[in-house]
């Protein structure tokens, strides 16, 4: 069976900066207005094409940005 490796990780989501790089809203700990919206926020290889998961997480991050006045 053919397989594809998708390298993930490096900036995992976590509850605190001691455990990861960004929170559940994709905000990088200790940096204002910095979000991670790519596959580096995933903790492990998903085993399938991750494009829809990455898209969903990026949309989730954008949903927390308030609209301009």
N, C-alpha and C. Protein backbone atom coordinates (compact mmCIF):
# COMPACT_ATOMS: atom_id res chain seq x y z
N UNK A 1 0.84 -1.17 0.00
CA UNK A 1 0.00 0.00 0.00
C UNK A 1 0.89 1.24 0.00
N UNK A 2 0.68 2.18 -0.92
CA UNK A 2 1.47 3.41 -0.92
C UNK A 2 1.12 4.29 0.28
N UNK A 3 2.11 4.94 0.81
CA UNK A 3 1.89 5.85 1.93
C UNK A 3 2.64 7.16 1.68
N UNK A 4 2.22 8.19 2.37
CA UNK A 4 2.87 9.49 2.28
C UNK A 4 3.15 9.99 3.68
N UNK A 5 4.33 10.49 3.89
CA UNK A 5 4.67 11.06 5.20
C UNK A 5 4.43 12.56 5.16
N UNK A 6 3.68 13.03 6.14
CA UNK A 6 3.45 14.46 6.29
C UNK A 6 4.12 14.88 7.58
N UNK A 7 5.18 15.63 7.48
CA UNK A 7 5.89 16.06 8.69
C UNK A 7 5.08 17.10 9.43
N UNK A 8 4.86 16.84 10.70
CA UNK A 8 4.05 17.74 11.53
C UNK A 8 4.83 18.10 12.78
N UNK A 9 4.31 19.05 13.50
CA UNK A 9 4.83 19.36 14.82
C UNK A 9 5.84 20.48 14.85
N UNK A 10 6.37 20.69 16.04
CA UNK A 10 7.34 21.73 16.26
C UNK A 10 6.80 22.90 17.05
N UNK A 11 5.49 23.12 16.96
CA UNK A 11 4.86 24.24 17.68
C UNK A 11 3.48 23.79 18.17
N UNK A 12 3.47 22.75 18.96
CA UNK A 12 2.22 22.10 19.37
C UNK A 12 1.33 22.97 20.24
N UNK A 13 0.02 22.76 20.13
CA UNK A 13 -0.96 23.41 21.00
C UNK A 13 -0.86 22.82 22.39
N UNK A 14 -1.06 23.66 23.40
CA UNK A 14 -1.01 23.19 24.79
C UNK A 14 -1.76 24.17 25.69
N UNK A 15 -1.92 23.78 26.93
CA UNK A 15 -2.60 24.63 27.91
C UNK A 15 -1.69 25.70 28.48
N UNK A 16 -0.39 25.51 28.39
CA UNK A 16 0.56 26.47 28.97
C UNK A 16 1.85 26.50 28.16
N UNK A 17 2.66 27.55 28.31
CA UNK A 17 3.92 27.63 27.58
C UNK A 17 4.92 26.55 27.99
N UNK A 18 4.75 25.99 29.17
CA UNK A 18 5.64 24.91 29.61
C UNK A 18 5.40 23.61 28.84
N UNK A 19 4.21 23.50 28.24
CA UNK A 19 3.83 22.27 27.55
C UNK A 19 3.81 22.40 26.03
N UNK A 20 3.78 23.62 25.50
CA UNK A 20 3.69 23.80 24.06
C UNK A 20 3.98 25.22 23.64
N UNK A 21 3.65 25.54 22.41
CA UNK A 21 3.99 26.85 21.83
C UNK A 21 2.77 27.75 21.68
N UNK A 22 1.60 27.18 21.38
CA UNK A 22 0.41 28.00 21.19
C UNK A 22 -0.77 27.42 21.96
N UNK A 23 -1.78 28.27 22.18
CA UNK A 23 -2.96 27.84 22.92
C UNK A 23 -4.04 27.30 21.98
N UNK A 24 -5.20 27.01 22.51
CA UNK A 24 -6.29 26.44 21.72
C UNK A 24 -6.89 27.37 20.70
N UNK A 25 -6.50 28.64 20.73
CA UNK A 25 -6.94 29.60 19.72
C UNK A 25 -5.80 29.95 18.75
N UNK A 26 -4.76 29.12 18.75
CA UNK A 26 -3.61 29.24 17.85
C UNK A 26 -2.71 30.44 18.17
N UNK A 27 -2.90 31.08 19.31
CA UNK A 27 -2.08 32.24 19.70
C UNK A 27 -0.78 31.76 20.33
N UNK A 28 0.33 32.30 19.85
CA UNK A 28 1.64 31.94 20.40
C UNK A 28 1.77 32.57 21.78
N UNK A 29 2.16 31.75 22.76
CA UNK A 29 2.34 32.25 24.12
C UNK A 29 3.38 33.37 24.16
N UNK A 30 3.08 34.42 24.88
CA UNK A 30 3.98 35.56 25.12
C UNK A 30 4.22 36.44 23.90
N UNK A 31 3.42 36.27 22.84
CA UNK A 31 3.53 37.14 21.66
C UNK A 31 2.15 37.67 21.33
N UNK A 32 2.04 38.97 21.23
CA UNK A 32 0.75 39.57 20.91
C UNK A 32 0.52 39.53 19.39
N UNK A 33 -0.66 39.15 19.00
CA UNK A 33 -1.07 39.13 17.58
C UNK A 33 -0.25 38.18 16.71
N UNK A 34 0.28 37.11 17.29
CA UNK A 34 0.99 36.10 16.49
C UNK A 34 0.23 34.78 16.59
N UNK A 35 -0.19 34.28 15.43
CA UNK A 35 -0.94 33.03 15.36
C UNK A 35 -0.18 32.01 14.52
N UNK A 36 -0.37 30.75 14.84
CA UNK A 36 0.20 29.67 14.02
C UNK A 36 -0.97 29.02 13.29
N UNK A 37 -0.89 29.02 11.98
CA UNK A 37 -1.99 28.50 11.16
C UNK A 37 -1.49 27.51 10.11
N UNK A 38 -0.51 26.71 10.48
CA UNK A 38 -0.02 25.68 9.56
C UNK A 38 0.13 24.35 10.30
N UNK A 39 0.72 23.38 9.67
CA UNK A 39 0.79 22.03 10.26
C UNK A 39 1.72 21.93 11.45
N UNK A 40 2.51 22.94 11.73
CA UNK A 40 3.43 22.86 12.87
C UNK A 40 2.68 22.80 14.20
N UNK A 41 1.41 23.22 14.23
CA UNK A 41 0.65 23.19 15.49
C UNK A 41 0.12 21.80 15.82
N UNK A 42 0.17 20.89 14.88
CA UNK A 42 -0.30 19.53 15.13
C UNK A 42 0.77 18.74 15.88
N UNK A 43 0.35 17.96 16.84
CA UNK A 43 1.30 17.25 17.69
C UNK A 43 1.91 16.02 17.02
N UNK A 44 1.22 15.44 16.04
CA UNK A 44 1.70 14.21 15.43
C UNK A 44 1.19 14.07 14.00
N UNK A 45 1.77 13.14 13.28
CA UNK A 45 1.31 12.81 11.94
C UNK A 45 -0.09 12.23 12.03
N UNK A 46 -1.00 12.72 11.20
CA UNK A 46 -2.39 12.25 11.23
C UNK A 46 -2.60 10.94 10.49
N UNK A 47 -1.65 10.55 9.67
CA UNK A 47 -1.76 9.30 8.94
C UNK A 47 -2.52 9.43 7.63
N UNK A 48 -3.12 10.57 7.39
CA UNK A 48 -3.85 10.82 6.14
C UNK A 48 -3.46 12.21 5.66
N UNK A 49 -3.97 12.59 4.51
CA UNK A 49 -3.70 13.94 4.01
C UNK A 49 -4.25 14.96 5.00
N UNK A 50 -3.40 15.81 5.58
CA UNK A 50 -3.83 16.72 6.65
C UNK A 50 -4.43 18.04 6.18
N UNK A 51 -4.62 18.22 4.90
CA UNK A 51 -5.01 19.54 4.40
C UNK A 51 -6.33 20.04 4.99
N UNK A 52 -7.32 19.16 5.14
CA UNK A 52 -8.61 19.61 5.70
C UNK A 52 -8.50 19.92 7.19
N UNK A 53 -7.69 19.17 7.91
CA UNK A 53 -7.48 19.45 9.34
C UNK A 53 -6.78 20.79 9.51
N UNK A 54 -5.76 21.05 8.72
CA UNK A 54 -5.04 22.31 8.79
C UNK A 54 -5.96 23.47 8.42
N UNK A 55 -6.78 23.29 7.39
CA UNK A 55 -7.74 24.33 7.01
C UNK A 55 -8.73 24.61 8.13
N UNK A 56 -9.25 23.56 8.75
CA UNK A 56 -10.21 23.74 9.85
C UNK A 56 -9.57 24.46 11.03
N UNK A 57 -8.34 24.12 11.37
CA UNK A 57 -7.66 24.79 12.48
C UNK A 57 -7.36 26.25 12.15
N UNK A 58 -7.02 26.54 10.91
CA UNK A 58 -6.79 27.93 10.50
C UNK A 58 -8.09 28.73 10.55
N UNK A 59 -9.20 28.13 10.11
CA UNK A 59 -10.49 28.80 10.19
C UNK A 59 -10.89 29.03 11.65
N UNK A 60 -10.59 28.06 12.50
CA UNK A 60 -10.86 28.20 13.94
C UNK A 60 -10.08 29.38 14.50
N UNK A 61 -8.81 29.52 14.14
CA UNK A 61 -7.99 30.64 14.60
C UNK A 61 -8.59 31.96 14.13
N UNK A 62 -9.01 32.03 12.88
CA UNK A 62 -9.56 33.27 12.34
C UNK A 62 -10.88 33.64 13.00
N UNK A 63 -11.63 32.65 13.47
CA UNK A 63 -12.92 32.93 14.10
C UNK A 63 -12.76 33.67 15.43
N UNK A 64 -11.58 33.67 16.01
CA UNK A 64 -11.32 34.36 17.28
C UNK A 64 -10.79 35.78 17.09
N UNK A 65 -10.61 36.19 15.86
CA UNK A 65 -10.14 37.55 15.58
C UNK A 65 -11.36 38.45 15.46
N UNK A 66 -11.45 39.48 16.31
CA UNK A 66 -12.64 40.35 16.26
C UNK A 66 -12.67 41.17 14.97
N UNK A 67 -13.86 41.50 14.50
CA UNK A 67 -13.95 42.34 13.29
C UNK A 67 -13.45 43.75 13.56
N UNK A 68 -13.02 44.42 12.50
CA UNK A 68 -12.59 45.82 12.63
C UNK A 68 -13.81 46.69 12.93
N UNK A 69 -13.56 47.75 13.65
CA UNK A 69 -14.65 48.69 13.97
C UNK A 69 -15.06 49.48 12.75
